[in-house]
Amino acid sequence: MRPKGASAAAWSQLGAAVEALGQRRTPELFAAEPDRVERMSLEAAGLYLDFSKQRVDAAGLEALWSLAQSAQVTDHLRQQFAGDAVNFTEDRAALHMALRAPRNAHQPPGGPAIAEAVHEVLDRMEAFVHRVRSGAWTGATGEPITDVVNIGIGGSDLGPRMVCEALAEQVRGPRPHFVSNVDATELSRVLAGLRPASTLFVVTSKSFGTAETLANARSARAWLVDALGDAAVAKHFVAVSTAAERVSDFGIDVDNMFGFWSWVGGRYSLWSAVGLSIALSLGMDGFRALLAGAHAMDAHVRDAPPEGNAAVWMALIGIWNTNGLQLPSQVIVPYAQALARVPAYLQQLEMESNGKTVNSDGVAVQQQTVPALWGDVGTNGQHAFFQMLHQGPTALPVDFILPVSLDHGHPDQHRMLIANCLAQSEALMQGKSAGQVREELRSQGLSGQALEDAVPHRVFEGGRPSTTILMSCIDARSLGALLALYEHKVFVQSVVWGINAFDQWGVELGKQLASVIDDELRLAVPGEHDPSTAALLHRIVDGRTAEG
């Protein structure tokens, strides 16, 4: 069953709720609803989510539940867990939940055969990880592996890189490094700090044909061969792929190839063998804890009714802001340096999944789908873009992600971090009126025209929406739950919008044209293009010719 999206009547109800809300600010909603925090907060898989600072009232929430009901969100979630082809343009399931279901799971996602295949790969990963971390696997010269370089791009990079950075303090094995950009500057900088004899490369590409990944892998291979010879490749390269022939042609022993399946989309793949670099760095226990946290969130999303379902809340509040209040972007602000790459990870997850212009019938969508998503860590963001969040002409919703405890030995600084996070969300919601500003300036000795001239610049509109997500700490389990929460949010939104969250045809056109232009640059013979691209190509080629 393809998602048809919410009904016209449900969208109309949403519009009416927005109109009825009018200009009411969030502090007014708190005053009218004494139990607002209790009604708009919930716990799921160890996370605590507070939606009460969102600018939505009871009628708005009722309209959102109607939207979810009319889109049959519960049925579509059930289909996804069952392994139905929810990726309908490619006739595939989207069963990343199966990757993190425990071996003894009752009714595992997709069924027992898929569960068996998943755990077979996990067992192979575990054996390999143990050999590397114990020193039984050595490089060509007999040295143990001290550094692992993951070469991939997109989902084959963003997830493992983000997790390894988030959990860096828990790394007890080889040091993880990541190379994704075809700009060889990244590869050169990584290799500059490494020794060939103790470095293991993990080339991550399902097809083993991704142009950027293979360019970096070939350059890394040349660096290794230059130092240790061709025979060393098999001891210093492994693959996460399904293309055995291509892997073998590269010089990698196919016994050291770890596969995954067509139902694992790239941006949902860190839970699969794509997470091999995570497991090598954290150990298999750490990787399994990550899976366990995600599975706990899966179980919550599968079993909780919509009104108590964290992912449904996340999805519907986002729809309220995007389609109801017409807010153009979503800001992600983790108050933890360890989570610095979470905004970039979520950019791919959300915008590659739901950045679509046609619905399941191939007809142009009637609503905006995914908003632009961006952000940075607090408190850095406070000294960069928070000015716009507080006083810019357009309100932008913020997700604050806050670990309650951090084990870095500096409790006073973590207390300051918490204080800043809570203060920012409160300030965005409460604002500061002209009357409050006048009283404050008078107490500082300002009066007359100077006071009146100063007032407009110090007024904060307030009523600016935010959600706060509390994590008890940053460990593998909590991180797994957080990431799975956003995954399910994305799917629920796609169902309401009636689009496919699991294809990404928009990525392909530019890649196809890049291949053509690359050949033209190599031959120094520009082909037929639009006037702008043709002029740029000629300028670049002519400039190179002149330098040569």
Protein backbone atom coordinates (compact mmCIF):
# COMPACT_ATOMS: atom_id res chain seq x y z
CA MET A 1 0.00 0.00 0.00
CA ARG A 2 1.56 3.27 -1.14
CA PRO A 3 1.13 6.25 1.17
CA LYS A 4 -1.59 8.52 -0.17
CA GLY A 5 -0.88 11.22 2.36
CA ALA A 6 -3.33 12.95 4.62
CA SER A 7 -6.75 13.76 3.26
CA ALA A 8 -7.76 17.18 1.99
CA ALA A 9 -10.22 17.44 4.88
CA ALA A 10 -7.43 16.79 7.40
CA TRP A 11 -5.21 19.43 5.80
CA SER A 12 -8.14 21.82 5.87
CA GLN A 13 -8.61 21.13 9.59
CA LEU A 14 -4.93 21.89 10.13
CA GLY A 15 -5.27 25.19 8.28
CA ALA A 16 -8.29 26.14 10.37
CA ALA A 17 -6.38 25.37 13.58
CA VAL A 18 -3.50 27.60 12.49
CA GLU A 19 -5.92 30.40 11.64
CA ALA A 20 -7.67 30.04 15.01
CA LEU A 21 -4.33 30.17 16.83
CA GLY A 22 -3.66 33.52 15.22
CA GLN A 23 -0.94 35.51 16.92
CA ARG A 24 -1.23 33.85 20.32
CA ARG A 25 2.22 33.46 21.81
CA THR A 26 3.44 30.41 23.66
CA PRO A 27 3.49 32.07 27.11
CA GLU A 28 -0.27 32.64 26.69
CA LEU A 29 -0.72 28.94 25.96
CA PHE A 30 1.13 28.02 29.17
CA ALA A 31 -1.12 30.39 31.13
CA ALA A 32 -4.24 28.79 29.65
CA GLU A 33 -3.04 25.19 30.05
CA PRO A 34 -1.71 24.42 33.55
CA ASP A 35 -0.95 20.81 32.59
CA ARG A 36 0.75 21.73 29.30
CA VAL A 37 4.18 20.32 30.19
CA GLU A 38 2.72 17.03 31.38
CA ARG A 39 0.53 16.66 28.27
CA MET A 40 3.29 17.60 25.84
CA SER A 41 6.22 15.62 27.25
CA LEU A 42 7.02 11.93 27.07
CA GLU A 43 9.77 9.39 27.59
CA ALA A 44 10.95 6.85 25.05
CA ALA A 45 13.90 4.43 25.06
CA GLY A 46 15.71 6.43 27.72
CA LEU A 47 15.12 9.84 26.12
CA TYR A 48 12.88 12.58 27.53
CA LEU A 49 11.17 14.88 25.03
CA ASP A 50 9.52 18.20 25.92
CA PHE A 51 7.36 19.70 23.16
CA SER A 52 5.59 22.21 25.39
CA LYS A 53 7.52 25.24 24.05
CA GLN A 54 6.15 24.62 20.55
CA ARG A 55 3.61 27.24 19.46
CA VAL A 56 0.70 24.85 19.11
CA ASP A 57 -2.50 24.67 21.13
CA ALA A 58 -4.95 21.86 21.90
CA ALA A 59 -6.90 22.44 18.69
CA GLY A 60 -3.69 22.29 16.69
CA LEU A 61 -2.73 19.00 18.31
CA GLU A 62 -6.17 17.60 17.57
CA ALA A 63 -5.75 18.57 13.92
CA LEU A 64 -2.35 16.85 13.85
CA TRP A 65 -3.77 13.60 15.25
CA SER A 66 -6.47 13.77 12.57
CA LEU A 67 -3.77 14.28 9.96
CA ALA A 68 -1.94 11.15 11.14
CA GLN A 69 -5.13 9.12 11.28
CA SER A 70 -6.23 10.12 7.79
CA ALA A 71 -2.78 9.20 6.43
CA GLN A 72 -3.01 5.79 8.16
CA VAL A 73 0.34 6.29 9.87
CA THR A 74 -0.11 3.29 12.17
CA ASP A 75 -0.81 0.96 9.24
CA HIS A 76 2.22 2.19 7.32
CA LEU A 77 4.48 1.72 10.32
CA ARG A 78 3.17 -1.82 10.61
CA GLN A 79 3.91 -2.43 6.93
CA GLN A 80 7.44 -1.13 7.25
CA PHE A 81 8.19 -3.40 10.20
CA ALA A 82 6.67 -6.35 8.31
CA GLY A 83 9.10 -5.87 5.42
CA ASP A 84 6.62 -4.63 2.80
CA ALA A 85 8.03 -2.70 -0.16
CA VAL A 86 7.60 0.77 1.33
CA ASN A 87 10.30 1.98 -1.08
CA PHE A 88 7.74 1.67 -3.83
CA THR A 89 9.69 3.33 -6.68
CA GLU A 90 12.38 0.64 -6.35
CA ASP A 91 10.09 -2.14 -5.12
CA ARG A 92 12.14 -2.66 -1.97
CA ALA A 93 11.58 -2.95 1.73
CA ALA A 94 13.22 -0.49 4.11
CA LEU A 95 14.23 -2.77 6.94
CA HIS A 96 17.05 -1.03 8.76
CA MET A 97 15.16 -1.94 11.96
CA ALA A 98 16.05 -5.60 11.24
CA LEU A 99 19.74 -4.72 11.54
CA ARG A 100 19.39 -3.92 15.23
CA ALA A 101 16.86 -6.52 16.36
CA PRO A 102 18.42 -8.95 18.86
CA ARG A 103 18.97 -12.56 17.90
CA ASN A 104 16.10 -13.76 20.07
CA ALA A 105 13.62 -11.06 18.98
CA HIS A 106 10.00 -12.13 18.86
CA GLN A 107 8.58 -11.40 15.38
CA PRO A 108 11.79 -9.78 14.06
CA PRO A 109 11.30 -7.08 11.39
CA GLY A 110 11.04 -8.72 7.99
CA GLY A 111 10.82 -12.24 9.41
CA PRO A 112 13.19 -15.00 10.60
CA ALA A 113 15.12 -15.44 7.33
CA ILE A 114 16.21 -11.80 7.33
CA ALA A 115 17.10 -12.00 11.02
CA GLU A 116 19.29 -15.04 10.36
CA ALA A 117 21.12 -13.28 7.53
CA VAL A 118 21.68 -10.18 9.66
CA HIS A 119 23.18 -12.12 12.54
CA GLU A 120 25.38 -14.15 10.25
CA VAL A 121 27.04 -10.91 9.11
CA LEU A 122 27.21 -9.61 12.69
CA ASP A 123 28.96 -12.80 13.75
CA ARG A 124 31.48 -12.45 10.92
CA MET A 125 32.06 -8.83 11.91
CA GLU A 126 32.57 -9.83 15.52
CA ALA A 127 35.17 -12.46 14.62
CA PHE A 128 37.06 -9.99 12.43
CA VAL A 129 36.87 -7.19 14.99
CA HIS A 130 38.25 -9.51 17.67
CA ARG A 131 41.18 -10.53 15.45
CA VAL A 132 42.10 -6.91 14.69
CA ARG A 133 41.68 -5.59 18.23
CA SER A 134 43.50 -8.54 19.81
CA GLY A 135 46.47 -8.20 17.47
CA ALA A 136 45.87 -11.57 15.79
CA TRP A 137 45.33 -9.73 12.51
CA THR A 138 48.52 -7.99 11.53
CA GLY A 139 49.67 -5.97 8.58
CA ALA A 140 52.08 -7.16 5.91
CA THR A 141 55.12 -6.59 8.12
CA GLY A 142 53.62 -8.34 11.15
CA GLU A 143 52.68 -5.14 13.00
CA PRO A 144 49.27 -4.87 14.70
CA ILE A 145 46.73 -2.39 13.33
CA THR A 146 46.74 0.96 15.12
CA ASP A 147 44.62 3.02 12.70
CA VAL A 148 41.51 2.32 10.62
CA VAL A 149 40.57 4.54 7.67
CA ASN A 150 36.97 4.31 6.46
CA ILE A 151 36.71 5.33 2.80
CA GLY A 152 33.12 6.00 1.77
CA ILE A 153 30.74 8.85 1.04
CA GLY A 154 27.21 9.83 2.03
CA GLY A 155 25.68 7.21 4.27
CA SER A 156 28.88 5.18 4.06
CA ASP A 157 30.68 8.02 5.82
CA LEU A 158 28.35 10.34 7.72
CA GLY A 159 26.94 7.74 10.11
CA PRO A 160 30.15 5.94 11.11
CA ARG A 161 32.07 9.23 11.30
CA MET A 162 29.41 10.86 13.47
CA VAL A 163 29.18 7.88 15.85
CA CYS A 164 32.95 7.52 16.24
CA GLU A 165 33.30 11.24 16.99
CA ALA A 166 30.38 11.20 19.41
CA LEU A 167 31.82 8.24 21.32
CA ALA A 168 35.51 9.12 20.91
CA GLU A 169 36.20 8.83 24.64
CA GLN A 170 35.11 5.19 24.47
CA VAL A 171 37.52 4.23 21.69
CA ARG A 172 39.84 1.51 23.02
CA GLY A 173 40.87 -0.03 19.74
CA PRO A 174 42.44 1.28 16.54
CA ARG A 175 42.05 5.01 15.98
CA PRO A 176 39.28 5.75 13.45
CA HIS A 177 39.75 8.10 10.50
CA PHE A 178 37.37 8.99 7.69
CA VAL A 179 37.81 10.03 4.07
CA SER A 180 34.84 10.95 1.90
CA ASN A 181 35.58 14.02 -0.19
CA VAL A 182 36.95 13.44 -3.69
CA ASP A 183 39.05 16.53 -2.97
CA ALA A 184 42.28 14.67 -2.20
CA THR A 185 43.15 17.22 0.46
CA GLU A 186 41.15 15.18 2.96
CA LEU A 187 42.91 11.93 2.09
CA SER A 188 46.33 13.59 2.08
CA ARG A 189 45.80 15.07 5.52
CA VAL A 190 44.66 11.73 6.94
CA LEU A 191 47.53 9.76 5.44
CA ALA A 192 50.10 12.33 6.56
CA GLY A 193 49.66 11.17 10.15
CA LEU A 194 49.66 7.41 9.49
CA ARG A 195 52.12 4.58 8.92
CA PRO A 196 51.34 2.11 6.10
CA ALA A 197 52.51 -0.90 8.14
CA SER A 198 49.87 -0.37 10.85
CA THR A 199 46.96 1.08 8.84
CA LEU A 200 43.82 -0.80 7.77
CA PHE A 201 41.51 0.65 5.11
CA VAL A 202 37.79 -0.15 5.06
CA VAL A 203 36.40 0.65 1.60
CA THR A 204 32.65 1.09 1.98
CA SER A 205 30.58 1.00 -1.19
CA LYS A 206 27.67 -1.36 -1.85
CA SER A 207 28.36 -1.48 -5.60
CA PHE A 208 32.10 -0.89 -5.27
CA GLY A 209 31.53 1.57 -8.08
CA THR A 210 30.97 4.89 -6.31
CA ALA A 211 33.27 7.26 -8.19
CA GLU A 212 34.43 9.38 -5.26
CA THR A 213 35.02 6.37 -3.03
CA LEU A 214 37.00 4.47 -5.67
CA ALA A 215 39.13 7.52 -6.46
CA ASN A 216 40.12 7.78 -2.80
CA ALA A 217 40.56 4.00 -2.48
CA ARG A 218 42.89 3.87 -5.48
CA SER A 219 44.98 6.73 -4.12
CA ALA A 220 45.16 5.03 -0.71
CA ARG A 221 46.16 1.77 -2.41
CA ALA A 222 48.95 3.53 -4.30
CA TRP A 223 50.21 5.04 -1.01
CA LEU A 224 50.28 1.59 0.58
CA VAL A 225 51.82 -0.21 -2.41
CA ASP A 226 54.51 2.43 -2.73
CA ALA A 227 55.62 1.60 0.81
CA LEU A 228 54.90 -2.13 1.12
CA GLY A 229 54.28 -3.57 -2.35
CA ASP A 230 51.24 -5.06 -4.11
CA ALA A 231 51.09 -8.13 -1.92
CA ALA A 232 50.32 -5.96 1.12
CA VAL A 233 46.90 -4.90 -0.20
CA ALA A 234 45.13 -8.02 1.07
CA LYS A 235 46.42 -7.41 4.60
CA HIS A 236 45.57 -3.71 4.70
CA PHE A 237 42.27 -3.43 2.82
CA VAL A 238 38.85 -4.89 3.59
CA ALA A 239 35.54 -4.07 1.94
CA VAL A 240 31.96 -3.40 2.93
CA SER A 241 30.24 -4.23 -0.33
CA THR A 242 28.17 -6.73 -2.27
CA ALA A 243 30.25 -6.65 -5.47
CA ALA A 244 32.62 -9.58 -4.95
CA GLU A 245 34.18 -9.47 -8.43
CA ARG A 246 35.05 -5.78 -8.23
CA VAL A 247 36.37 -6.20 -4.69
CA SER A 248 38.59 -9.06 -5.82
CA ASP A 249 39.86 -7.11 -8.83
CA PHE A 250 40.93 -4.35 -6.45
CA GLY A 251 43.09 -6.85 -4.56
CA ILE A 252 40.87 -7.42 -1.53
CA ASP A 253 40.27 -11.00 -0.42
CA VAL A 254 36.52 -11.60 -0.71
CA ASP A 255 36.70 -13.49 2.60
CA ASN A 256 37.27 -10.01 4.04
CA MET A 257 34.21 -8.52 2.36
CA PHE A 258 31.20 -7.77 4.55
CA GLY A 259 27.90 -7.47 2.76
CA PHE A 260 24.53 -5.89 3.30
CA TRP A 261 21.24 -5.90 1.43
CA SER A 262 19.20 -3.92 -1.06
CA TRP A 263 16.74 -3.06 1.70
CA VAL A 264 19.43 -1.08 3.54
CA GLY A 265 19.41 2.50 2.25
CA GLY A 266 22.70 4.36 2.49
CA ARG A 267 21.55 6.92 5.03
CA TYR A 268 20.08 4.12 7.15
CA SER A 269 23.14 1.87 6.91
CA LEU A 270 25.38 2.59 9.90
CA TRP A 271 23.61 -0.28 11.72
CA SER A 272 24.87 -2.74 9.08
CA ALA A 273 28.39 -3.79 8.10
CA VAL A 274 28.80 -0.13 7.12
CA GLY A 275 29.38 0.30 10.86
CA LEU A 276 32.49 -1.90 10.74
CA SER A 277 34.74 1.06 11.50
CA ILE A 278 32.56 1.79 14.55
CA ALA A 279 32.92 -1.79 15.77
CA LEU A 280 36.69 -1.79 15.20
CA SER A 281 37.06 1.38 17.25
CA LEU A 282 34.52 0.78 20.04
CA GLY A 283 34.61 -3.00 20.12
CA MET A 284 31.71 -5.23 19.22
CA ASP A 285 30.11 -4.70 22.63
CA GLY A 286 29.98 -0.97 21.93
CA PHE A 287 28.50 -1.54 18.49
CA ARG A 288 25.89 -3.91 19.89
CA ALA A 289 24.97 -1.33 22.54
CA LEU A 290 24.37 1.17 19.73
CA LEU A 291 22.10 -1.38 18.04
CA ALA A 292 20.31 -2.07 21.33
CA GLY A 293 19.49 1.60 21.85
CA ALA A 294 18.07 1.85 18.34
CA HIS A 295 16.08 -1.36 18.84
CA ALA A 296 14.61 0.03 22.06
CA MET A 297 13.35 3.03 20.09
CA ASP A 298 12.05 0.71 17.35
CA ALA A 299 10.04 -1.21 19.92
CA HIS A 300 8.60 2.02 21.31
CA VAL A 301 7.62 3.32 17.86
CA ARG A 302 6.14 -0.04 16.86
CA ASP A 303 4.06 -0.47 20.01
CA ALA A 304 3.12 3.00 21.31
CA PRO A 305 -0.17 4.58 20.22
CA PRO A 306 0.20 7.80 18.19
CA GLU A 307 -0.60 10.12 21.12
CA GLY A 308 2.22 8.52 23.15
CA ASN A 309 4.64 7.88 20.31
CA ALA A 310 7.82 9.97 20.33
CA ALA A 311 8.44 9.65 16.59
CA VAL A 312 4.86 10.55 15.72
CA TRP A 313 5.09 13.61 17.97
CA MET A 314 8.37 14.64 16.35
CA ALA A 315 6.93 14.19 12.88
CA LEU A 316 3.66 16.00 13.50
CA ILE A 317 5.23 18.94 15.32
CA GLY A 318 7.58 19.30 12.36
CA ILE A 319 4.60 19.27 9.99
CA TRP A 320 2.84 21.88 12.13
CA ASN A 321 5.86 24.16 11.86
CA THR A 322 6.53 23.51 8.16
CA ASN A 323 3.04 23.26 6.70
CA GLY A 324 0.97 25.01 9.34
CA LEU A 325 3.09 27.93 10.52
CA GLN A 326 5.03 28.01 7.22
CA LEU A 327 8.43 28.14 8.92
CA PRO A 328 11.15 27.58 6.29
CA SER A 329 13.84 25.64 8.14
CA GLN A 330 14.60 23.44 11.14
CA VAL A 331 17.58 24.09 13.41
CA ILE A 332 19.40 21.32 15.29
CA VAL A 333 21.48 22.42 18.27
CA PRO A 334 23.14 19.68 20.33
CA TYR A 335 24.54 21.06 23.58
CA ALA A 336 27.49 18.68 23.51
CA GLN A 337 30.69 18.96 21.51
CA ALA A 338 30.63 15.18 21.04
CA LEU A 339 27.45 15.54 18.97
CA ALA A 340 28.92 18.18 16.64
CA ARG A 341 28.29 16.07 13.53
CA VAL A 342 24.68 15.22 14.37
CA PRO A 343 23.29 18.21 12.38
CA ALA A 344 25.20 17.11 9.26
CA TYR A 345 24.05 13.52 9.74
CA LEU A 346 20.43 14.63 10.09
CA GLN A 347 20.73 16.85 7.01
CA GLN A 348 21.27 13.78 4.86
CA LEU A 349 18.72 11.69 6.74
CA GLU A 350 15.94 14.24 6.42
CA MET A 351 16.64 16.18 3.24
CA GLU A 352 17.74 13.24 1.09
CA SER A 353 14.78 11.22 2.32
CA ASN A 354 11.95 13.73 2.07
CA GLY A 355 13.20 16.34 -0.39
CA LYS A 356 10.60 15.29 -2.98
CA THR A 357 8.27 17.19 -5.31
CA VAL A 358 5.87 14.41 -6.33
CA ASN A 359 3.66 12.14 -4.29
CA SER A 360 3.23 8.39 -4.55
CA ASP A 361 1.04 8.81 -7.65
CA GLY A 362 3.68 10.91 -9.41
CA VAL A 363 1.63 14.08 -8.98
CA ALA A 364 3.12 17.33 -7.70
CA VAL A 365 2.83 17.62 -3.92
CA GLN A 366 0.45 20.23 -2.56
CA GLN A 367 2.51 21.00 0.53
CA GLN A 368 6.11 21.83 1.30
CA THR A 369 7.86 18.61 2.29
CA VAL A 370 11.11 18.68 4.25
CA PRO A 371 12.35 22.06 5.52
CA ALA A 372 15.99 23.06 5.14
CA LEU A 373 17.84 21.63 8.13
CA TRP A 374 20.96 23.13 9.67
CA GLY A 375 22.66 23.81 13.00
CA ASP A 376 25.75 23.60 15.14
CA VAL A 377 26.71 22.84 18.70
CA GLY A 378 25.78 25.14 21.56
CA THR A 379 27.30 27.27 22.97
CA ASN A 380 29.13 28.01 19.71
CA GLY A 381 25.86 28.62 17.92
CA GLN A 382 24.90 31.25 20.48
CA HIS A 383 27.83 33.33 19.28
CA ALA A 384 27.06 32.76 15.61
CA PHE A 385 23.44 32.37 14.45
CA PHE A 386 21.35 32.73 17.62
CA GLN A 387 21.00 36.45 16.97
CA MET A 388 18.83 35.54 13.99
CA LEU A 389 16.92 32.93 16.02
CA HIS A 390 16.01 35.51 18.66
CA GLN A 391 15.45 38.67 16.62
CA GLY A 392 15.31 37.69 12.94
CA PRO A 393 12.01 38.45 11.17
CA THR A 394 11.08 34.75 10.81
CA ALA A 395 10.75 32.32 13.69
CA LEU A 396 12.68 29.10 13.16
CA PRO A 397 12.01 25.97 15.24
CA VAL A 398 14.94 24.52 17.18
CA ASP A 399 15.61 21.01 18.46
CA PHE A 400 17.79 21.31 21.57
CA ILE A 401 19.60 18.04 22.35
CA LEU A 402 21.06 17.99 25.84
CA PRO A 403 22.94 15.24 27.70
CA VAL A 404 22.21 15.57 31.42
CA SER A 405 25.57 14.08 32.39
CA LEU A 406 28.97 14.15 30.71
CA ASP A 407 31.92 12.22 32.07
CA HIS A 408 34.78 14.62 31.29
CA GLY A 409 35.73 15.56 34.83
CA HIS A 410 34.66 19.22 34.59
CA PRO A 411 31.23 19.39 36.31
CA ASP A 412 31.24 23.19 36.62
CA GLN A 413 31.55 23.60 32.87
CA HIS A 414 28.84 21.06 32.20
CA ARG A 415 26.57 22.93 34.62
CA MET A 416 27.23 26.07 32.53
CA LEU A 417 26.39 24.16 29.37
CA ILE A 418 23.06 22.98 30.79
CA ALA A 419 22.27 26.48 32.01
CA ASN A 420 22.92 27.92 28.56
CA CYS A 421 20.73 25.36 26.83
CA LEU A 422 17.77 25.84 29.14
CA ALA A 423 18.19 29.63 29.10
CA GLN A 424 18.18 29.77 25.31
CA SER A 425 15.02 27.72 24.96
CA GLU A 426 13.34 29.83 27.64
CA ALA A 427 14.46 33.09 26.05
CA LEU A 428 13.23 32.04 22.61
CA MET A 429 9.84 31.23 24.08
CA GLN A 430 9.41 34.08 26.61
CA GLY A 431 11.04 36.92 24.71
CA LYS A 432 11.22 40.41 26.20
CA SER A 433 8.53 43.06 25.72
CA ALA A 434 9.04 46.76 25.12
CA GLY A 435 7.72 47.43 28.64
CA GLN A 436 10.27 45.08 30.16
CA VAL A 437 13.03 46.69 28.15
CA ARG A 438 12.00 50.20 29.32
CA GLU A 439 12.05 49.15 32.96
CA GLU A 440 15.44 47.52 32.53
CA LEU A 441 16.93 50.60 30.81
CA ARG A 442 15.45 53.00 33.38
CA SER A 443 17.08 50.96 36.15
CA GLN A 444 20.37 51.49 34.32
CA GLY A 445 19.87 55.26 34.29
CA LEU A 446 18.68 55.77 30.71
CA SER A 447 15.75 58.14 30.07
CA GLY A 448 14.06 60.38 27.54
CA GLN A 449 14.62 60.01 23.82
CA ALA A 450 17.78 58.00 24.31
CA LEU A 451 15.73 55.39 26.16
CA GLU A 452 12.99 55.31 23.49
CA ASP A 453 15.55 55.06 20.71
CA ALA A 454 17.14 52.06 22.44
CA VAL A 455 13.93 50.13 23.12
CA PRO A 456 13.16 48.64 19.65
CA HIS A 457 16.63 47.15 19.34
CA ARG A 458 16.31 45.26 22.61
CA VAL A 459 12.84 43.79 22.19
CA PHE A 460 12.60 40.03 21.71
CA GLU A 461 9.38 38.84 20.08
CA GLY A 462 9.35 35.50 21.88
CA GLY A 463 6.96 32.69 21.09
CA ARG A 464 9.69 31.02 19.06
CA PRO A 465 9.24 27.26 19.01
CA SER A 466 11.62 24.63 20.31
CA THR A 467 11.72 21.02 21.40
CA THR A 468 14.14 19.85 24.08
CA ILE A 469 15.44 16.28 24.03
CA LEU A 470 17.23 15.12 27.18
CA MET A 471 19.71 12.24 27.03
CA SER A 472 20.90 10.84 30.35
CA CYS A 473 24.44 10.75 28.93
CA ILE A 474 26.26 10.22 25.66
CA ASP A 475 26.83 6.51 25.37
CA ALA A 476 26.26 4.06 22.56
CA ARG A 477 22.79 3.04 23.70
CA SER A 478 21.48 6.60 24.11
CA LEU A 479 22.97 7.65 20.79
CA GLY A 480 21.36 4.68 19.04
CA ALA A 481 17.97 5.62 20.46
CA LEU A 482 18.35 9.25 19.37
CA LEU A 483 19.28 8.39 15.79
CA ALA A 484 16.48 5.83 15.45
CA LEU A 485 14.00 8.44 16.74
CA TYR A 486 14.86 10.77 13.87
CA GLU A 487 14.72 7.90 11.36
CA HIS A 488 11.16 7.06 12.37
CA LYS A 489 10.21 10.74 12.39
CA VAL A 490 11.29 10.97 8.75
CA PHE A 491 9.20 7.96 7.73
CA VAL A 492 6.08 9.20 9.54
CA GLN A 493 6.37 12.57 7.82
CA SER A 494 6.74 10.90 4.43
CA VAL A 495 3.52 8.98 5.06
CA VAL A 496 1.61 12.15 5.94
CA TRP A 497 3.01 13.92 2.86
CA GLY A 498 2.36 10.86 0.68
CA ILE A 499 5.93 10.61 -0.63
CA ASN A 500 8.69 8.00 -0.72
CA ALA A 501 11.33 8.52 1.98
CA PHE A 502 13.65 5.82 0.68
CA ASP A 503 14.68 6.70 -2.87
CA GLN A 504 17.03 9.52 -3.87
CA TRP A 505 16.79 10.03 -7.60
CA GLY A 506 17.74 13.68 -7.14
CA VAL A 507 21.31 12.61 -6.38
CA GLU A 508 21.76 10.86 -9.72
CA LEU A 509 21.51 13.57 -12.39
CA GLY A 510 24.45 15.61 -11.15
CA LYS A 511 26.56 12.44 -10.84
CA GLN A 512 25.78 11.49 -14.45
CA LEU A 513 26.72 14.93 -15.76
CA ALA A 514 29.89 14.97 -13.63
CA SER A 515 31.08 11.80 -15.35
CA VAL A 516 30.63 13.42 -18.77
CA ILE A 517 32.38 16.63 -17.75
CA ASP A 518 35.22 14.70 -16.11
CA ASP A 519 35.95 13.01 -19.46
CA GLU A 520 35.88 16.38 -21.21
CA LEU A 521 38.32 17.85 -18.68
CA ARG A 522 40.61 14.84 -19.02
CA LEU A 523 40.71 15.24 -22.79
CA ALA A 524 40.71 19.07 -22.58
CA VAL A 525 37.84 19.10 -25.10
CA PRO A 526 34.65 20.75 -23.75
CA GLY A 527 31.41 19.35 -25.15
CA GLU A 528 27.94 20.78 -25.65
CA HIS A 529 26.49 22.41 -22.52
CA ASP A 530 24.34 25.35 -21.52
CA PRO A 531 26.05 28.71 -22.17
CA SER A 532 27.14 29.22 -18.56
CA THR A 533 28.62 25.74 -18.08
CA ALA A 534 30.28 25.89 -21.50
CA ALA A 535 31.90 29.24 -20.71
CA LEU A 536 33.18 27.98 -17.36
CA LEU A 537 34.58 24.82 -18.95
CA HIS A 538 36.37 26.76 -21.68
CA ARG A 539 37.83 29.16 -19.13
CA ILE A 540 39.13 26.28 -17.00
CA VAL A 541 40.49 24.28 -19.95
CA ASP A 542 42.03 27.32 -21.63
CA GLY A 543 43.64 28.35 -18.36
CA ARG A 544 45.19 24.93 -17.91
CA THR A 545 46.40 24.91 -21.50
CA ALA A 546 48.04 28.31 -21.01
CA GLU A 547 49.77 27.12 -17.83
CA GLY A 548 50.97 23.97 -19.60
